[in-house]
Protein backbone atom coordinates (compact mmCIF):
# COMPACT_ATOMS: atom_id res chain seq x y z
CA MET A 1 -29.98 15.96 13.58
CA ALA A 2 -27.65 15.92 10.42
CA TRP A 3 -26.24 12.65 9.08
CA TYR A 4 -22.54 13.21 10.14
CA HIS A 5 -23.31 13.32 13.78
CA THR A 6 -23.68 9.47 13.79
CA TYR A 7 -21.61 8.52 10.81
CA PHE A 8 -18.39 8.78 11.98
CA LYS A 9 -18.39 5.33 14.31
CA GLY A 10 -17.60 1.49 13.93
CA LEU A 11 -17.62 0.25 10.22
CA PRO A 12 -17.59 2.99 8.31
CA GLN A 13 -14.97 4.77 10.34
CA ARG A 14 -12.72 2.02 10.00
CA ALA A 15 -13.26 1.84 6.25
CA TRP A 16 -12.65 5.58 5.60
CA LYS A 17 -9.16 5.15 7.71
CA LEU A 18 -8.08 2.35 6.35
CA ASN A 19 -8.57 4.02 2.64
CA GLN A 20 -6.24 6.70 3.48
CA ASP A 21 -2.91 6.39 1.85
CA GLU A 22 -0.41 7.30 4.17
CA GLU A 23 2.49 8.98 1.46
CA TYR A 24 -0.29 10.69 0.04
CA THR A 25 -0.94 12.02 2.99
CA ASP A 26 2.78 13.02 3.55
CA PHE A 27 2.54 14.99 0.37
CA GLU A 28 -0.66 16.40 1.77
CA VAL A 29 1.46 17.66 4.97
CA ASP A 30 4.12 19.08 2.63
CA PHE A 31 1.41 20.98 0.39
CA LEU A 32 0.00 22.66 3.39
CA ARG A 33 3.12 23.50 4.62
CA ASP A 34 4.25 25.39 1.84
CA VAL A 35 0.82 26.95 0.58
CA LEU A 36 -0.37 27.99 4.45
CA GLU A 37 3.45 29.14 5.02
CA ILE A 38 3.43 26.99 8.04
CA THR A 39 6.68 27.48 10.25
CA PRO A 40 7.33 25.37 13.66
CA GLU A 41 5.97 29.08 15.34
CA SER A 42 2.71 28.69 13.54
CA LYS A 43 -0.76 28.23 15.61
CA VAL A 44 -2.91 26.17 13.01
CA LEU A 45 -6.23 25.14 13.11
CA ASP A 46 -7.61 21.54 11.67
CA VAL A 47 -11.17 21.69 11.45
CA LEU A 48 -12.76 18.66 10.73
CA SER A 49 -9.56 17.01 11.70
CA GLY A 50 -10.65 13.00 11.94
CA TYR A 51 -8.10 10.95 13.50
CA GLY A 52 -5.35 13.78 12.78
CA ARG A 53 -3.56 12.16 10.14
CA HIS A 54 -2.65 15.76 8.85
CA ALA A 55 -2.39 17.25 12.47
CA LEU A 56 0.09 14.77 13.96
CA PRO A 57 2.84 15.17 11.39
CA LEU A 58 2.74 18.87 11.93
CA ALA A 59 2.82 19.05 15.36
CA GLU A 60 5.50 16.53 15.53
CA GLN A 61 7.76 19.22 14.11
CA GLY A 62 7.01 21.66 16.67
CA THR A 63 3.75 23.35 15.30
CA THR A 64 0.81 24.15 17.55
CA LEU A 65 -2.36 22.53 16.46
CA THR A 66 -5.88 23.02 17.62
CA CYS A 67 -8.21 20.33 16.06
CA ILE A 68 -11.88 19.96 15.94
CA ASP A 69 -13.97 17.27 15.11
CA ILE A 70 -17.40 15.71 16.01
CA SER A 71 -16.41 12.04 16.06
CA GLN A 72 -15.97 11.27 19.78
CA GLU A 73 -13.61 8.12 18.66
CA TYR A 74 -11.56 9.77 16.32
CA CYS A 75 -10.98 12.88 19.22
CA GLU A 76 -10.34 9.98 21.82
CA GLU A 77 -7.52 8.62 19.38
CA LEU A 78 -6.41 11.63 18.40
CA GLN A 79 -5.67 12.79 22.25
CA THR A 80 -4.01 9.49 23.39
CA ILE A 81 -1.65 9.61 20.74
CA SER A 82 -1.13 13.44 21.49
CA SER A 83 -0.51 12.75 25.10
CA LYS A 84 1.65 9.76 25.07
CA GLN A 85 4.01 11.85 22.40
CA GLN A 86 3.59 15.16 24.46
CA LEU A 87 2.56 16.76 21.49
CA PRO A 88 1.42 20.71 21.02
CA LEU A 89 -2.15 19.56 20.32
CA GLU A 90 -5.16 20.57 21.68
CA VAL A 91 -8.61 18.26 20.64
CA ILE A 92 -11.52 19.73 20.77
CA CYS A 93 -14.82 17.13 20.54
CA ALA A 94 -17.82 19.48 19.31
CA ASP A 95 -19.83 19.97 16.16
CA VAL A 96 -18.26 23.04 14.99
CA LEU A 97 -21.02 24.82 13.92
CA ASN A 98 -21.90 25.35 17.26
CA TYR A 99 -18.59 25.88 18.86
CA ALA A 100 -17.26 29.38 19.27
CA LEU A 101 -13.48 29.42 17.78
CA PRO A 102 -11.24 31.86 19.49
CA ASP A 103 -11.06 35.39 17.26
CA GLN A 104 -7.99 36.03 15.27
CA GLN A 105 -5.84 33.72 17.22
CA PHE A 106 -4.64 31.43 14.08
CA ASP A 107 -1.89 31.90 11.74
CA ALA A 108 -3.30 29.10 9.37
CA ALA A 109 -6.36 26.84 8.90
CA TYR A 110 -7.26 23.94 6.61
CA CYS A 111 -10.07 21.43 6.05
CA LEU A 112 -9.03 18.25 4.13
CA GLY A 113 -10.54 14.89 3.84
CA ASN A 114 -13.13 15.51 1.11
CA SER A 115 -15.33 17.10 4.24
CA PHE A 116 -15.98 20.40 2.64
CA SER A 117 -19.67 19.42 1.37
CA PHE A 118 -21.40 18.60 4.84
CA PHE A 119 -23.49 21.58 5.32
CA PRO A 120 -26.39 23.44 3.44
CA ARG A 121 -25.76 26.83 1.78
CA ALA A 122 -26.59 28.83 5.20
CA GLU A 123 -24.86 26.65 7.58
CA MET A 124 -21.87 26.76 4.87
CA GLN A 125 -21.56 30.15 4.66
CA GLN A 126 -21.50 30.00 8.90
CA PHE A 127 -18.93 27.76 8.74
CA ILE A 128 -16.96 29.64 6.11
CA GLY A 129 -17.43 32.67 8.48
CA GLN A 130 -15.97 30.97 12.17
CA ILE A 131 -12.77 29.93 10.23
CA ALA A 132 -12.36 33.37 8.86
CA SER A 133 -13.00 34.67 12.05
CA ALA A 134 -10.56 32.88 13.97
CA LEU A 135 -7.44 33.52 11.52
CA LYS A 136 -5.59 36.35 12.16
CA PRO A 137 -5.27 39.02 9.03
CA GLY A 138 -2.95 37.88 6.56
CA ALA A 139 -3.34 34.32 7.37
CA HIS A 140 -4.11 31.66 4.28
CA VAL A 141 -6.77 28.97 4.63
CA ALA A 142 -6.81 25.67 2.49
CA ILE A 143 -9.52 23.16 2.06
CA HIS A 144 -10.01 19.95 -0.51
CA THR A 145 -13.13 18.46 -1.83
CA GLU A 146 -14.05 15.86 -4.37
CA ASN A 147 -17.61 17.31 -4.55
CA LEU A 148 -17.40 20.16 -6.44
CA ALA A 149 -20.28 20.43 -9.41
CA GLU A 150 -17.59 20.68 -11.99
CA SER A 151 -16.10 17.43 -10.76
CA ILE A 152 -19.02 15.56 -10.19
CA PHE A 153 -21.35 16.18 -12.77
CA PRO A 154 -18.98 15.66 -16.18
CA ASN A 155 -19.44 11.62 -14.98
CA PHE A 156 -22.18 11.59 -12.08
CA GLN A 157 -22.52 8.09 -11.30
CA THR A 158 -26.20 6.66 -9.79
CA ARG A 159 -24.30 3.27 -8.51
CA ASN A 160 -20.65 2.60 -7.31
CA TRP A 161 -18.69 0.32 -5.24
CA MET A 162 -15.23 0.30 -3.91
CA PRO A 163 -13.56 -2.47 -2.27
CA VAL A 164 -11.40 -1.09 1.34
CA GLN A 165 -8.84 -3.12 2.78
CA GLU A 166 -9.71 -6.27 5.10
CA ASP A 167 -12.39 -7.39 2.56
CA ILE A 168 -14.58 -4.19 3.41
CA VAL A 169 -16.67 -3.17 0.44
CA TYR A 170 -18.21 0.07 0.28
CA LEU A 171 -21.44 0.50 -1.59
CA ALA A 172 -23.33 3.91 -2.53
CA GLU A 173 -26.41 4.65 -4.55
CA ASN A 174 -26.91 8.40 -5.34
CA GLU A 175 -29.43 10.81 -6.28
CA TYR A 176 -28.81 14.31 -7.02
CA ARG A 177 -31.59 16.54 -5.58
CA ALA A 178 -31.66 19.38 -8.24
CA GLU A 179 -34.21 21.55 -6.00
CA GLY A 180 -31.81 21.47 -3.09
CA GLY A 181 -28.28 21.25 -4.61
CA TYR A 182 -27.59 18.30 -3.11
CA ILE A 183 -26.55 14.37 -3.39
CA GLU A 184 -28.56 11.74 -1.75
CA ALA A 185 -27.12 8.82 -1.05
CA GLU A 186 -27.22 5.75 0.55
CA GLN A 187 -24.18 4.17 1.84
CA THR A 188 -23.25 0.61 2.69
CA PHE A 189 -20.44 -0.86 4.19
CA ILE A 190 -20.26 -4.80 4.37
CA ALA A 191 -17.28 -6.68 6.45
CA GLY A 192 -17.82 -10.53 6.64
CA SER A 193 -21.66 -10.68 8.29
CA GLU A 194 -21.45 -7.01 9.47
CA ARG A 195 -23.47 -4.57 7.44
CA VAL A 196 -23.79 -0.95 8.24
CA ALA A 197 -25.91 1.64 5.91
CA HIS A 198 -26.41 5.36 6.52
CA ASN A 199 -27.97 7.96 4.24
CA VAL A 200 -25.50 11.07 3.85
CA ARG A 201 -26.64 13.99 2.18
CA GLN A 202 -23.42 16.15 0.33
CA HIS A 203 -24.02 19.40 -0.82
CA ILE A 204 -22.82 20.16 -4.11
CA TYR A 205 -21.31 24.03 -4.81
CA THR A 206 -19.75 25.33 -7.92
CA LEU A 207 -16.51 26.87 -7.88
CA GLY A 208 -17.94 30.06 -8.48
CA GLU A 209 -20.25 29.54 -4.98
CA ILE A 210 -17.57 29.15 -3.10
CA THR A 211 -15.41 31.52 -4.03
CA TYR A 212 -18.51 33.98 -3.55
CA MET A 213 -18.88 32.79 0.06
CA PHE A 214 -15.34 33.12 0.72
CA GLU A 215 -15.44 36.55 -0.40
CA LEU A 216 -18.14 37.23 1.72
CA ALA A 217 -16.19 36.18 4.63
CA GLY A 218 -13.40 38.31 4.24
CA LEU A 219 -11.38 35.30 2.57
CA VAL A 220 -9.74 36.15 -0.94
CA VAL A 221 -9.13 33.14 -3.23
CA VAL A 222 -5.59 33.21 -4.35
CA GLY A 223 -5.29 29.67 -5.78
CA THR A 224 -7.54 26.64 -6.93
CA PHE A 225 -5.66 23.81 -7.97
CA SER A 226 -6.71 20.10 -9.23
CA ASN A 227 -3.68 18.22 -7.60
CA LEU A 228 -0.77 18.67 -4.89
CA GLU A 229 1.43 19.93 -7.96
CA ALA A 230 -0.64 23.02 -7.86
CA ASP A 231 -2.23 22.33 -11.82
CA PRO A 232 -5.12 25.00 -11.90
CA PHE A 233 -8.22 23.26 -11.56
CA MET A 234 -10.04 22.57 -14.61
CA LEU A 235 -13.68 21.29 -15.64
CA GLY A 236 -13.78 17.95 -15.01
CA ASP A 237 -10.98 17.40 -12.82
CA GLU A 238 -11.61 14.89 -9.59
CA GLN A 239 -10.56 17.04 -6.81
CA LEU A 240 -10.41 20.68 -5.70
CA TYR A 241 -7.25 22.33 -3.57
CA LEU A 242 -8.23 25.93 -2.50
CA VAL A 243 -6.21 28.40 -1.40
CA ALA A 244 -7.60 32.02 0.63
CA CYS A 245 -5.83 34.52 2.45
CA LYS A 246 -7.82 36.50 5.19
CA GLN A 247 -7.88 40.16 3.95
């Protein structure tokens, strides 16, 4: 069983949510509306949606959302909010690799939140292919990652730590496994007497690899940006926002 099947619950999940900047999330939602050409009539797929920090604002403006995520806690939270507010939002709690998305049903799709590094090469190609198949011709997809090779390797850190709100501390020990193209990390979350540790595997891709895999799936990359102001991505930039269009 892959690490992400058991990671997103309890303390790590709480730490991730507390570390999100609501204002920045609002900017990301505006970015998605722009680059994906989202309208209130659009049907949009949120892949690895988490607790719906992007989906909820879109649904509140009338856009129809389908959200898929593996975390039962996140899915229950999102479903509760959606039902209470009577939003046009469907929640699917499943491993996206084992779930058959409907063909050519969506006007746009996105995968944000630095989730675009969970899968090894063969599974990543399958993942991209599933998203492509679910999109209508001419639809756009956006992804975000901080684990691009061009971002990680110029300043690779074997150890790092970060304080989180509510006195949570995050620590990580990282080792790059070149033969497999991934980072093996031991991540530890500490809050008072509570301590939770996970072994995490993040697969590292070059921008060229991602572009090639998108093209194999029938998705043409139309933009690669380092920030929400749409500055072109360059070597050493800390993050990538990539936008592609289905042929």
